[in-house]
Amino acid sequence: MLTDAAIFGKIGEHLRQARLKQNITQQSLAEAAVVSLSSIKKIEKGVISSFDALVRVMRILGKLDVLQPLVDEEQMSPSEYYDLVNSSKSRLRKRAVGKLDNTNNEKSEW
């Protein structure tokens, strides 16, 4: 199992390779991602201290899709959907049960 530092290093190297493959300079990437040049250099070295900066860089490089499973809503299984539908059907409609009190009625002159 990789250490956190090793994982950050691999992420940084992968992003560096993606940047170079797209022929983007570190300065251009920094400007496009609205982060500092030093942040780009740190990320590429595996020093990732800002998740916000990392996400911005990944978005510019077109690598944000690797995080997609973390933001997708879980799909319901057929049985979970069936249970949800049936639970909403089983809710009974509430009705009034009180009676009207006719003891204080005023007589109409109509």
PDB file of N, CA and C in Angstrom:
ATOM      1  N   MET A   1       0.841  -1.176   0.000  1.00  0.00           N
ATOM      2  CA  MET A   1       0.000   0.000   0.000  1.00  0.00           C
ATOM      3  C   MET A   1       0.888   1.242   0.000  1.00  0.00           C
ATOM      4  N   LEU A   2       0.519   2.208  -0.819  1.00  0.00           N
ATOM      5  CA  LEU A   2       1.318   3.425  -0.951  1.00  0.00           C
ATOM      6  C   LEU A   2       1.072   4.381   0.215  1.00  0.00           C
ATOM      7  N   THR A   3       2.114   5.102   0.566  1.00  0.00           N
ATOM      8  CA  THR A   3       1.966   6.150   1.584  1.00  0.00           C
ATOM      9  C   THR A   3       1.280   7.355   0.950  1.00  0.00           C
ATOM     10  N   ASP A   4       0.806   8.259   1.778  1.00  0.00           N
ATOM     11  CA  ASP A   4       0.176   9.479   1.264  1.00  0.00           C
ATOM     12  C   ASP A   4       1.147  10.260   0.387  1.00  0.00           C
ATOM     13  N   ALA A   5       2.393  10.360   0.828  1.00  0.00           N
ATOM     14  CA  ALA A   5       3.393  11.098   0.062  1.00  0.00           C
ATOM     15  C   ALA A   5       3.623  10.458  -1.307  1.00  0.00           C
ATOM     16  N   ALA A   6       3.631   9.137  -1.361  1.00  0.00           N
ATOM     17  CA  ALA A   6       3.817   8.434  -2.634  1.00  0.00           C
ATOM     18  C   ALA A   6       2.627   8.662  -3.558  1.00  0.00           C
ATOM     19  N   ILE A   7       1.426   8.667  -2.989  1.00  0.00           N
ATOM     20  CA  ILE A   7       0.231   8.928  -3.796  1.00  0.00           C
ATOM     21  C   ILE A   7       0.272  10.345  -4.358  1.00  0.00           C
ATOM     22  N   PHE A   8       0.611  11.326  -3.507  1.00  0.00           N
ATOM     23  CA  PHE A   8       0.705  12.709  -3.974  1.00  0.00           C
ATOM     24  C   PHE A   8       1.764  12.846  -5.060  1.00  0.00           C
ATOM     25  N   GLY A   9       2.869  12.133  -4.890  1.00  0.00           N
ATOM     26  CA  GLY A   9       3.932  12.172  -5.892  1.00  0.00           C
ATOM     27  C   GLY A   9       3.472  11.637  -7.235  1.00  0.00           C
ATOM     28  N   LYS A  10       2.735  10.531  -7.198  1.00  0.00           N
ATOM     29  CA  LYS A  10       2.217   9.947  -8.437  1.00  0.00           C
ATOM     30  C   LYS A  10       1.192  10.868  -9.095  1.00  0.00           C
ATOM     31  N   ILE A  11       0.335  11.491  -8.295  1.00  0.00           N
ATOM     32  CA  ILE A  11      -0.647  12.438  -8.839  1.00  0.00           C
ATOM     33  C   ILE A  11       0.074  13.610  -9.497  1.00  0.00           C
ATOM     34  N   GLY A  12       1.058  14.162  -8.806  1.00  0.00           N
ATOM     35  CA  GLY A  12       1.818  15.288  -9.344  1.00  0.00           C
ATOM     36  C   GLY A  12       2.515  14.931 -10.644  1.00  0.00           C
ATOM     37  N   GLU A  13       3.125  13.762 -10.700  1.00  0.00           N
ATOM     38  CA  GLU A  13       3.811  13.329 -11.921  1.00  0.00           C
ATOM     39  C   GLU A  13       2.818  13.112 -13.062  1.00  0.00           C
ATOM     40  N   HIS A  14       1.681  12.543 -12.747  1.00  0.00           N
ATOM     41  CA  HIS A  14       0.656  12.318 -13.769  1.00  0.00           C
ATOM     42  C   HIS A  14       0.172  13.659 -14.345  1.00  0.00           C
ATOM     43  N   LEU A  15      -0.051  14.631 -13.468  1.00  0.00           N
ATOM     44  CA  LEU A  15      -0.500  15.946 -13.939  1.00  0.00           C
ATOM     45  C   LEU A  15       0.596  16.655 -14.739  1.00  0.00           C
ATOM     46  N   ARG A  16       1.843  16.474 -14.327  1.00  0.00           N
ATOM     47  CA  ARG A  16       2.964  17.054 -15.072  1.00  0.00           C
ATOM     48  C   ARG A  16       3.026  16.476 -16.481  1.00  0.00           C
ATOM     49  N   GLN A  17       2.882  15.147 -16.567  1.00  0.00           N
ATOM     50  CA  GLN A  17       2.904  14.493 -17.880  1.00  0.00           C
ATOM     51  C   GLN A  17       1.729  14.949 -18.754  1.00  0.00           C
ATOM     52  N   ALA A  18       0.560  15.121 -18.147  1.00  0.00           N
ATOM     53  CA  ALA A  18      -0.609  15.588 -18.893  1.00  0.00           C
ATOM     54  C   ALA A  18      -0.380  17.004 -19.410  1.00  0.00           C
ATOM     55  N   ARG A  19       0.238  17.838 -18.582  1.00  0.00           N
ATOM     56  CA  ARG A  19       0.538  19.223 -18.994  1.00  0.00           C
ATOM     57  C   ARG A  19       1.510  19.241 -20.151  1.00  0.00           C
ATOM     58  N   LEU A  20       2.569  18.459 -20.041  1.00  0.00           N
ATOM     59  CA  LEU A  20       3.571  18.421 -21.105  1.00  0.00           C
ATOM     60  C   LEU A  20       3.008  17.830 -22.394  1.00  0.00           C
ATOM     61  N   LYS A  21       2.185  16.812 -22.266  1.00  0.00           N
ATOM     62  CA  LYS A  21       1.570  16.189 -23.443  1.00  0.00           C
ATOM     63  C   LYS A  21       0.693  17.190 -24.194  1.00  0.00           C
ATOM     64  N   GLN A  22       0.061  18.100 -23.447  1.00  0.00           N
ATOM     65  CA  GLN A  22      -0.785  19.125 -24.056  1.00  0.00           C
ATOM     66  C   GLN A  22       0.007  20.380 -24.436  1.00  0.00           C
ATOM     67  N   ASN A  23       1.325  20.336 -24.197  1.00  0.00           N
ATOM     68  CA  ASN A  23       2.232  21.434 -24.550  1.00  0.00           C
ATOM     69  C   ASN A  23       1.827  22.746 -23.872  1.00  0.00           C
ATOM     70  N   ILE A  24       1.555  22.655 -22.579  1.00  0.00           N
ATOM     71  CA  ILE A  24       1.169  23.819 -21.785  1.00  0.00           C
ATOM     72  C   ILE A  24       2.307  24.125 -20.819  1.00  0.00           C
ATOM     73  N   THR A  25       2.666  25.384 -20.725  1.00  0.00           N
ATOM     74  CA  THR A  25       3.711  25.775 -19.770  1.00  0.00           C
ATOM     75  C   THR A  25       3.106  25.843 -18.370  1.00  0.00           C
ATOM     76  N   GLN A  26       3.977  25.775 -17.385  1.00  0.00           N
ATOM     77  CA  GLN A  26       3.508  25.892 -16.004  1.00  0.00           C
ATOM     78  C   GLN A  26       2.851  27.258 -15.778  1.00  0.00           C
ATOM     79  N   GLN A  27       3.430  28.289 -16.363  1.00  0.00           N
ATOM     80  CA  GLN A  27       2.879  29.644 -16.210  1.00  0.00           C
ATOM     81  C   GLN A  27       1.484  29.735 -16.824  1.00  0.00           C
ATOM     82  N   SER A  28       1.310  29.182 -18.017  1.00  0.00           N
ATOM     83  CA  SER A  28      -0.001  29.207 -18.674  1.00  0.00           C
ATOM     84  C   SER A  28      -1.034  28.430 -17.867  1.00  0.00           C
ATOM     85  N   LEU A  29      -0.622  27.292 -17.335  1.00  0.00           N
ATOM     86  CA  LEU A  29      -1.526  26.490 -16.525  1.00  0.00           C
ATOM     87  C   LEU A  29      -1.918  27.247 -15.259  1.00  0.00           C
ATOM     88  N   ALA A  30      -0.959  27.904 -14.646  1.00  0.00           N
ATOM     89  CA  ALA A  30      -1.234  28.685 -13.437  1.00  0.00           C
ATOM     90  C   ALA A  30      -2.243  29.794 -13.724  1.00  0.00           C
ATOM     91  N   GLU A  31      -2.066  30.475 -14.840  1.00  0.00           N
ATOM     92  CA  GLU A  31      -2.987  31.555 -15.198  1.00  0.00           C
ATOM     93  C   GLU A  31      -4.381  31.014 -15.505  1.00  0.00           C
ATOM     94  N   ALA A  32      -4.451  29.917 -16.231  1.00  0.00           N
ATOM     95  CA  ALA A  32      -5.745  29.342 -16.601  1.00  0.00           C
ATOM     96  C   ALA A  32      -6.482  28.792 -15.376  1.00  0.00           C
ATOM     97  N   ALA A  33      -5.742  28.226 -14.444  1.00  0.00           N
ATOM     98  CA  ALA A  33      -6.343  27.639 -13.251  1.00  0.00           C
ATOM     99  C   ALA A  33      -6.529  28.656 -12.125  1.00  0.00           C
ATOM    100  N   VAL A  34      -6.045  29.855 -12.344  1.00  0.00           N
ATOM    101  CA  VAL A  34      -6.103  30.937 -11.357  1.00  0.00           C
ATOM    102  C   VAL A  34      -5.451  30.500 -10.040  1.00  0.00           C
ATOM    103  N   VAL A  35      -4.255  29.970 -10.171  1.00  0.00           N
ATOM    104  CA  VAL A  35      -3.423  29.632  -9.019  1.00  0.00           C
ATOM    105  C   VAL A  35      -2.036  30.186  -9.285  1.00  0.00           C
ATOM    106  N   SER A  36      -1.200  30.212  -8.272  1.00  0.00           N
ATOM    107  CA  SER A  36       0.146  30.747  -8.447  1.00  0.00           C
ATOM    108  C   SER A  36       1.051  29.739  -9.161  1.00  0.00           C
ATOM    109  N   LEU A  37       2.097  30.256  -9.765  1.00  0.00           N
ATOM    110  CA  LEU A  37       3.079  29.404 -10.426  1.00  0.00           C
ATOM    111  C   LEU A  37       3.725  28.458  -9.414  1.00  0.00           C
ATOM    112  N   SER A  38       3.970  28.968  -8.211  1.00  0.00           N
ATOM    113  CA  SER A  38       4.578  28.112  -7.180  1.00  0.00           C
ATOM    114  C   SER A  38       3.639  26.965  -6.799  1.00  0.00           C
ATOM    115  N   SER A  39       2.315  27.203  -6.847  1.00  0.00           N
ATOM    116  CA  SER A  39       1.366  26.123  -6.562  1.00  0.00           C
ATOM    117  C   SER A  39       1.461  25.025  -7.610  1.00  0.00           C
ATOM    118  N   ILE A  40       1.611  25.417  -8.871  1.00  0.00           N
ATOM    119  CA  ILE A  40       1.755  24.429  -9.950  1.00  0.00           C
ATOM    120  C   ILE A  40       3.023  23.608  -9.729  1.00  0.00           C
ATOM    121  N   LYS A  41       4.113  24.288  -9.431  1.00  0.00           N
ATOM    122  CA  LYS A  41       5.385  23.591  -9.208  1.00  0.00           C
ATOM    123  C   LYS A  41       5.288  22.618  -8.032  1.00  0.00           C
ATOM    124  N   LYS A  42       4.613  23.058  -6.954  1.00  0.00           N
ATOM    125  CA  LYS A  42       4.463  22.191  -5.780  1.00  0.00           C
ATOM    126  C   LYS A  42       3.594  20.981  -6.104  1.00  0.00           C
ATOM    127  N   ILE A  43       2.485  21.213  -6.796  1.00  0.00           N
ATOM    128  CA  ILE A  43       1.590  20.106  -7.141  1.00  0.00           C
ATOM    129  C   ILE A  43       2.332  19.076  -7.980  1.00  0.00           C
ATOM    130  N   GLU A  44       3.099  19.541  -8.950  1.00  0.00           N
ATOM    131  CA  GLU A  44       3.838  18.612  -9.814  1.00  0.00           C
ATOM    132  C   GLU A  44       4.936  17.859  -9.065  1.00  0.00           C
ATOM    133  N   LYS A  45       5.405  18.418  -7.947  1.00  0.00           N
ATOM    134  CA  LYS A  45       6.400  17.731  -7.121  1.00  0.00           C
ATOM    135  C   LYS A  45       5.739  16.823  -6.092  1.00  0.00           C
ATOM    136  N   GLY A  46       4.394  16.843  -6.057  1.00  0.00           N
ATOM    137  CA  GLY A  46       3.688  15.987  -5.111  1.00  0.00           C
ATOM    138  C   GLY A  46       3.408  16.645  -3.783  1.00  0.00           C
ATOM    139  N   VAL A  47       3.589  17.948  -3.723  1.00  0.00           N
ATOM    140  CA  VAL A  47       3.279  18.689  -2.500  1.00  0.00           C
ATOM    141  C   VAL A  47       1.906  19.327  -2.710  1.00  0.00           C
ATOM    142  N   ILE A  48       0.879  18.594  -2.337  1.00  0.00           N
ATOM    143  CA  ILE A  48      -0.492  19.040  -2.581  1.00  0.00           C
ATOM    144  C   ILE A  48      -1.091  19.474  -1.252  1.00  0.00           C
ATOM    145  N   SER A  49      -1.121  20.781  -1.052  1.00  0.00           N
ATOM    146  CA  SER A  49      -1.650  21.303   0.210  1.00  0.00           C
ATOM    147  C   SER A  49      -3.015  21.949   0.044  1.00  0.00           C
ATOM    148  N   SER A  50      -3.406  22.205  -1.199  1.00  0.00           N
ATOM    149  CA  SER A  50      -4.692  22.852  -1.450  1.00  0.00           C
ATOM    150  C   SER A  50      -5.521  22.002  -2.408  1.00  0.00           C
ATOM    151  N   PHE A  51      -6.601  21.453  -1.900  1.00  0.00           N
ATOM    152  CA  PHE A  51      -7.483  20.649  -2.741  1.00  0.00           C
ATOM    153  C   PHE A  51      -8.117  21.524  -3.815  1.00  0.00           C
ATOM    154  N   ASP A  52      -8.427  22.762  -3.464  1.00  0.00           N
ATOM    155  CA  ASP A  52      -9.011  23.702  -4.413  1.00  0.00           C
ATOM    156  C   ASP A  52      -8.092  23.905  -5.616  1.00  0.00           C
ATOM    157  N   ALA A  53      -6.819  24.135  -5.358  1.00  0.00           N
ATOM    158  CA  ALA A  53      -5.853  24.327  -6.450  1.00  0.00           C
ATOM    159  C   ALA A  53      -5.727  23.052  -7.280  1.00  0.00           C
ATOM    160  N   LEU A  54      -5.707  21.913  -6.617  1.00  0.00           N
ATOM    161  CA  LEU A  54      -5.605  20.638  -7.328  1.00  0.00           C
ATOM    162  C   LEU A  54      -6.786  20.449  -8.274  1.00  0.00           C
ATOM    163  N   VAL A  55      -7.988  20.713  -7.801  1.00  0.00           N
ATOM    164  CA  VAL A  55      -9.185  20.550  -8.629  1.00  0.00           C
ATOM    165  C   VAL A  55      -9.144  21.521  -9.813  1.00  0.00           C
ATOM    166  N   ARG A  56      -8.724  22.745  -9.587  1.00  0.00           N
ATOM    167  CA  ARG A  56      -8.628  23.719 -10.682  1.00  0.00           C
ATOM    168  C   ARG A  56      -7.653  23.263 -11.768  1.00  0.00           C
ATOM    169  N   VAL A  57      -6.512  22.758 -11.333  1.00  0.00           N
ATOM    170  CA  VAL A  57      -5.504  22.275 -12.279  1.00  0.00           C
ATOM    171  C   VAL A  57      -6.036  21.071 -13.045  1.00  0.00           C
ATOM    172  N   MET A  58      -6.656  20.150 -12.332  1.00  0.00           N
ATOM    173  CA  MET A  58      -7.209  18.959 -12.980  1.00  0.00           C
ATOM    174  C   MET A  58      -8.280  19.341 -14.000  1.00  0.00           C
ATOM    175  N   ARG A  59      -9.086  20.336 -13.675  1.00  0.00           N
ATOM    176  CA  ARG A  59     -10.133  20.781 -14.601  1.00  0.00           C
ATOM    177  C   ARG A  59      -9.509  21.325 -15.893  1.00  0.00           C
ATOM    178  N   ILE A  60      -8.493  22.143 -15.776  1.00  0.00           N
ATOM    179  CA  ILE A  60      -7.840  22.727 -16.951  1.00  0.00           C
ATOM    180  C   ILE A  60      -7.188  21.641 -17.800  1.00  0.00           C
ATOM    181  N   LEU A  61      -6.603  20.650 -17.162  1.00  0.00           N
ATOM    182  CA  LEU A  61      -5.923  19.582 -17.890  1.00  0.00           C
ATOM    183  C   LEU A  61      -6.879  18.494 -18.385  1.00  0.00           C
ATOM    184  N   GLY A  62      -8.163  18.626 -18.070  1.00  0.00           N
ATOM    185  CA  GLY A  62      -9.142  17.634 -18.518  1.00  0.00           C
ATOM    186  C   GLY A  62      -9.054  16.327 -17.747  1.00  0.00           C
ATOM    187  N   LYS A  63      -8.599  16.383 -16.528  1.00  0.00           N
ATOM    188  CA  LYS A  63      -8.432  15.174 -15.712  1.00  0.00           C
ATOM    189  C   LYS A  63      -9.411  15.101 -14.552  1.00  0.00           C
ATOM    190  N   LEU A  64     -10.412  15.952 -14.565  1.00  0.00           N
ATOM    191  CA  LEU A  64     -11.365  15.992 -13.466  1.00  0.00           C
ATOM    192  C   LEU A  64     -12.262  14.759 -13.434  1.00  0.00           C
ATOM    193  N   ASP A  65     -12.336  14.044 -14.551  1.00  0.00           N
ATOM    194  CA  ASP A  65     -13.211  12.870 -14.624  1.00  0.00           C
ATOM    195  C   ASP A  65     -12.829  11.774 -13.630  1.00  0.00           C
ATOM    196  N   VAL A  66     -11.606  11.756 -13.157  1.00  0.00           N
ATOM    197  CA  VAL A  66     -11.211  10.728 -12.193  1.00  0.00           C
ATOM    198  C   VAL A  66     -11.900  10.927 -10.846  1.00  0.00           C
ATOM    199  N   LEU A  67     -12.377  12.140 -10.591  1.00  0.00           N
ATOM    200  CA  LEU A  67     -13.098  12.414  -9.352  1.00  0.00           C
ATOM    201  C   LEU A  67     -14.603  12.222  -9.496  1.00  0.00           C
ATOM    202  N   GLN A  68     -15.071  11.975 -10.703  1.00  0.00           N
ATOM    203  CA  GLN A  68     -16.503  11.862 -10.977  1.00  0.00           C
ATOM    204  C   GLN A  68     -17.226  10.846 -10.094  1.00  0.00           C
ATOM    205  N   PRO A  69     -16.654   9.675  -9.858  1.00  0.00           N
ATOM    206  CA  PRO A  69     -17.361   8.714  -8.989  1.00  0.00           C
ATOM    207  C   PRO A  69     -17.617   9.251  -7.580  1.00  0.00           C
ATOM    208  N   LEU A  70     -16.815  10.210  -7.149  1.00  0.00           N
ATOM    209  CA  LEU A  70     -16.999  10.763  -5.811  1.00  0.00           C
ATOM    210  C   LEU A  70     -18.155  11.756  -5.740  1.00  0.00           C
ATOM    211  N   VAL A  71     -18.548  12.315  -6.873  1.00  0.00           N
ATOM    212  CA  VAL A  71     -19.624  13.300  -6.870  1.00  0.00           C
ATOM    213  C   VAL A  71     -20.925  12.765  -7.454  1.00  0.00           C
ATOM    214  N   ASP A  72     -20.892  11.591  -8.065  1.00  0.00           N
ATOM    215  CA  ASP A  72     -22.106  10.996  -8.598  1.00  0.00           C
ATOM    216  C   ASP A  72     -22.978  10.483  -7.465  1.00  0.00           C
ATOM    217  N   GLU A  73     -24.274  10.644  -7.645  1.00  0.00           N
ATOM    218  CA  GLU A  73     -25.200  10.083  -6.666  1.00  0.00           C
ATOM    219  C   GLU A  73     -25.296   8.583  -6.898  1.00  0.00           C
ATOM    220  N   GLU A  74     -25.435   7.860  -5.804  1.00  0.00           N
ATOM    221  CA  GLU A  74     -25.545   6.413  -5.921  1.00  0.00           C
ATOM    222  C   GLU A  74     -26.881   6.052  -6.549  1.00  0.00           C
ATOM    223  N   GLN A  75     -26.848   5.073  -7.428  1.00  0.00           N
ATOM    224  CA  GLN A  75     -28.059   4.599  -8.067  1.00  0.00           C
ATOM    225  C   GLN A  75     -28.760   3.620  -7.131  1.00  0.00           C
ATOM    226  N   MET A  76     -30.076   3.688  -7.120  1.00  0.00           N
ATOM    227  CA  MET A  76     -30.844   2.759  -6.290  1.00  0.00           C
ATOM    228  C   MET A  76     -30.933   1.411  -6.988  1.00  0.00           C
ATOM    229  N   SER A  77     -30.879   0.386  -6.185  1.00  0.00           N
ATOM    230  CA  SER A  77     -31.103  -0.945  -6.734  1.00  0.00           C
ATOM    231  C   SER A  77     -32.606  -1.079  -6.990  1.00  0.00           C
ATOM    232  N   PRO A  78     -33.005  -2.016  -7.834  1.00  0.00           N
ATOM    233  CA  PRO A  78     -34.439  -2.205  -8.084  1.00  0.00           C
ATOM    234  C   PRO A  78     -35.238  -2.459  -6.807  1.00  0.00           C
ATOM    235  N   SER A  79     -34.675  -3.217  -5.889  1.00  0.00           N
ATOM    236  CA  SER A  79     -35.405  -3.512  -4.649  1.00  0.00           C
ATOM    237  C   SER A  79     -35.531  -2.262  -3.776  1.00  0.00           C
ATOM    238  N   GLU A  80     -34.481  -1.413  -3.758  1.00  0.00           N
ATOM    239  CA  GLU A  80     -34.559  -0.169  -2.995  1.00  0.00           C
ATOM    240  C   GLU A  80     -35.613   0.761  -3.591  1.00  0.00           C
ATOM    241  N   TYR A  81     -35.677   0.827  -4.924  1.00  0.00           N
ATOM    242  CA  TYR A  81     -36.674   1.652  -5.597  1.00  0.00           C
ATOM    243  C   TYR A  81     -38.081   1.135  -5.291  1.00  0.00           C
ATOM    244  N   TYR A  82     -38.267  -0.166  -5.342  1.00  0.00           N
ATOM    245  CA  TYR A  82     -39.559  -0.787  -5.044  1.00  0.00           C
ATOM    246  C   TYR A  82     -39.992  -0.438  -3.615  1.00  0.00           C
ATOM    247  N   ASP A  83     -39.064  -0.550  -2.662  1.00  0.00           N
ATOM    248  CA  ASP A  83     -39.372  -0.229  -1.268  1.00  0.00           C
ATOM    249  C   ASP A  83     -39.751   1.240  -1.113  1.00  0.00           C
ATOM    250  N   LEU A  84     -39.045   2.119  -1.810  1.00  0.00           N
ATOM    251  CA  LEU A  84     -39.336   3.546  -1.732  1.00  0.00           C
ATOM    252  C   LEU A  84     -40.727   3.857  -2.279  1.00  0.00           C
ATOM    253  N   VAL A  85     -41.057   3.297  -3.427  1.00  0.00           N
ATOM    254  CA  VAL A  85     -42.371   3.528  -4.035  1.00  0.00           C
ATOM    255  C   VAL A  85     -43.476   2.983  -3.138  1.00  0.00           C
ATOM    256  N   ASN A  86     -43.293   1.792  -2.624  1.00  0.00           N
ATOM    257  CA  ASN A  86     -44.326   1.190  -1.778  1.00  0.00           C
ATOM    258  C   ASN A  86     -44.465   1.895  -0.440  1.00  0.00           C
ATOM    259  N   SER A  87     -43.395   2.438   0.090  1.00  0.00           N
ATOM    260  CA  SER A  87     -43.506   3.149   1.361  1.00  0.00           C
ATOM    261  C   SER A  87     -44.297   4.441   1.177  1.00  0.00           C
ATOM    262  N   SER A  88     -44.177   5.076   0.025  1.00  0.00           N
ATOM    263  CA  SER A  88     -44.942   6.305  -0.200  1.00  0.00           C
ATOM    264  C   SER A  88     -46.410   5.992  -0.450  1.00  0.00           C
ATOM    265  N   LYS A  89     -46.708   4.838  -1.017  1.00  0.00           N
ATOM    266  CA  LYS A  89     -48.099   4.450  -1.256  1.00  0.00           C
ATOM    267  C   LYS A  89     -48.785   4.051   0.049  1.00  0.00           C
ATOM    268  N   SER A  90     -48.027   3.532   0.975  1.00  0.00           N
ATOM    269  CA  SER A  90     -48.631   3.026   2.199  1.00  0.00           C
ATOM    270  C   SER A  90     -48.982   4.135   3.181  1.00  0.00           C
ATOM    271  N   ARG A  91     -48.544   5.328   2.927  1.00  0.00           N
ATOM    272  CA  ARG A  91     -48.891   6.430   3.809  1.00  0.00           C
ATOM    273  C   ARG A  91     -50.374   6.739   3.631  1.00  0.00           C
ATOM    274  N   LEU A  92     -51.090   6.674   4.719  1.00  0.00           N
ATOM    275  CA  LEU A  92     -52.522   6.901   4.665  1.00  0.00           C
ATOM    276  C   LEU A  92     -52.824   8.392   4.685  1.00  0.00           C
ATOM    277  N   ARG A  93     -53.860   8.739   3.988  1.00  0.00           N
ATOM    278  CA  ARG A  93     -54.298  10.117   3.946  1.00  0.00           C
ATOM    279  C   ARG A  93     -54.909  10.461   5.295  1.00  0.00           C
ATOM    280  N   LYS A  94     -54.534  11.595   5.836  1.00  0.00           N
ATOM    281  CA  LYS A  94     -55.067  12.003   7.124  1.00  0.00           C
ATOM    282  C   LYS A  94     -56.394  12.715   6.904  1.00  0.00           C
ATOM    283  N   ARG A  95     -57.344  12.371   7.745  1.00  0.00           N
ATOM    284  CA  ARG A  95     -58.666  12.988   7.670  1.00  0.00           C
ATOM    285  C   ARG A  95     -59.036  13.535   9.040  1.00  0.00           C
ATOM    286  N   ALA A  96     -59.881  14.535   9.022  1.00  0.00           N
ATOM    287  CA  ALA A  96     -60.363  15.108  10.274  1.00  0.00           C
ATOM    288  C   ALA A  96     -61.282  14.103  10.965  1.00  0.00           C
ATOM    289  N   VAL A  97     -61.212  14.028  12.283  1.00  0.00           N
ATOM    290  CA  VAL A  97     -62.046  13.089  13.022  1.00  0.00           C
ATOM    291  C   VAL A  97     -62.961  13.801  14.012  1.00  0.00           C
ATOM    292  N   GLY A  98     -62.785  15.090  14.189  1.00  0.00           N
ATOM    293  CA  GLY A  98     -63.610  15.841  15.138  1.00  0.00           C
ATOM    294  C   GLY A  98     -65.008  16.083  14.592  1.00  0.00           C
ATOM    295  N   LYS A  99     -65.949  16.376  15.507  1.00  0.00           N
ATOM    296  CA  LYS A  99     -67.325  16.651  15.119  1.00  0.00           C
ATOM    297  C   LYS A  99     -67.609  18.130  15.315  1.00  0.00           C
ATOM    298  N   LEU A 100     -68.521  18.630  14.546  1.00  0.00           N
ATOM    299  CA  LEU A 100     -68.921  20.019  14.625  1.00  0.00           C
ATOM    300  C   LEU A 100     -69.814  20.209  15.841  1.00  0.00           C
ATOM    301  N   ASP A 101     -69.505  21.226  16.602  1.00  0.00           N
ATOM    302  CA  ASP A 101     -70.293  21.520  17.804  1.00  0.00           C
ATOM    303  C   ASP A 101     -71.438  22.447  17.415  1.00  0.00           C
ATOM    304  N   ASN A 102     -72.665  21.965  17.467  1.00  0.00           N
ATOM    305  CA  ASN A 102     -73.838  22.740  17.061  1.00  0.00           C
ATOM    306  C   ASN A 102     -74.567  23.377  18.236  1.00  0.00           C
ATOM    307  N   THR A 103     -74.046  23.383  19.417  1.00  0.00           N
ATOM    308  CA  THR A 103     -74.759  23.877  20.594  1.00  0.00           C
ATOM    309  C   THR A 103     -74.840  25.394  20.639  1.00  0.00           C
ATOM    310  N   ASN A 104     -73.890  26.106  20.067  1.00  0.00           N
ATOM    311  CA  ASN A 104     -73.887  27.567  20.122  1.00  0.00           C
ATOM    312  C   ASN A 104     -74.294  28.197  18.799  1.00  0.00           C
ATOM    313  N   ASN A 105     -75.126  27.559  18.029  1.00  0.00           N
ATOM    314  CA  ASN A 105     -75.523  28.125  16.739  1.00  0.00           C
ATOM    315  C   ASN A 105     -76.560  29.210  16.937  1.00  0.00           C
ATOM    316  N   GLU A 106     -76.386  30.307  16.252  1.00  0.00           N
ATOM    317  CA  GLU A 106     -77.383  31.361  16.259  1.00  0.00           C
ATOM    318  C   GLU A 106     -78.389  31.054  15.168  1.00  0.00           C
ATOM    319  N   LYS A 107     -79.609  31.356  15.432  1.00  0.00           N
ATOM    320  CA  LYS A 107     -80.644  31.076  14.453  1.00  0.00           C
ATOM    321  C   LYS A 107     -80.642  32.164  13.406  1.00  0.00           C
ATOM    322  N   SER A 108     -80.706  31.762  12.200  1.00  0.00           N
ATOM    323  CA  SER A 108     -80.735  32.696  11.087  1.00  0.00           C
ATOM    324  C   SER A 108     -82.154  33.213  10.877  1.00  0.00           C
ATOM    325  N   GLU A 109     -82.255  34.432  10.428  1.00  0.00           N
ATOM    326  CA  GLU A 109     -83.583  35.012  10.203  1.00  0.00           C
ATOM    327  C   GLU A 109     -83.974  34.921   8.757  1.00  0.00           C
ATOM    328  N   TRP A 110     -83.388  34.156   8.022  1.00  0.00           N
ATOM    329  CA  TRP A 110     -83.690  34.047   6.588  1.00  0.00           C
ATOM    330  C   TRP A 110     -84.904  33.271   6.387  1.00  0.00           C
TER     331      TRP A 110
END
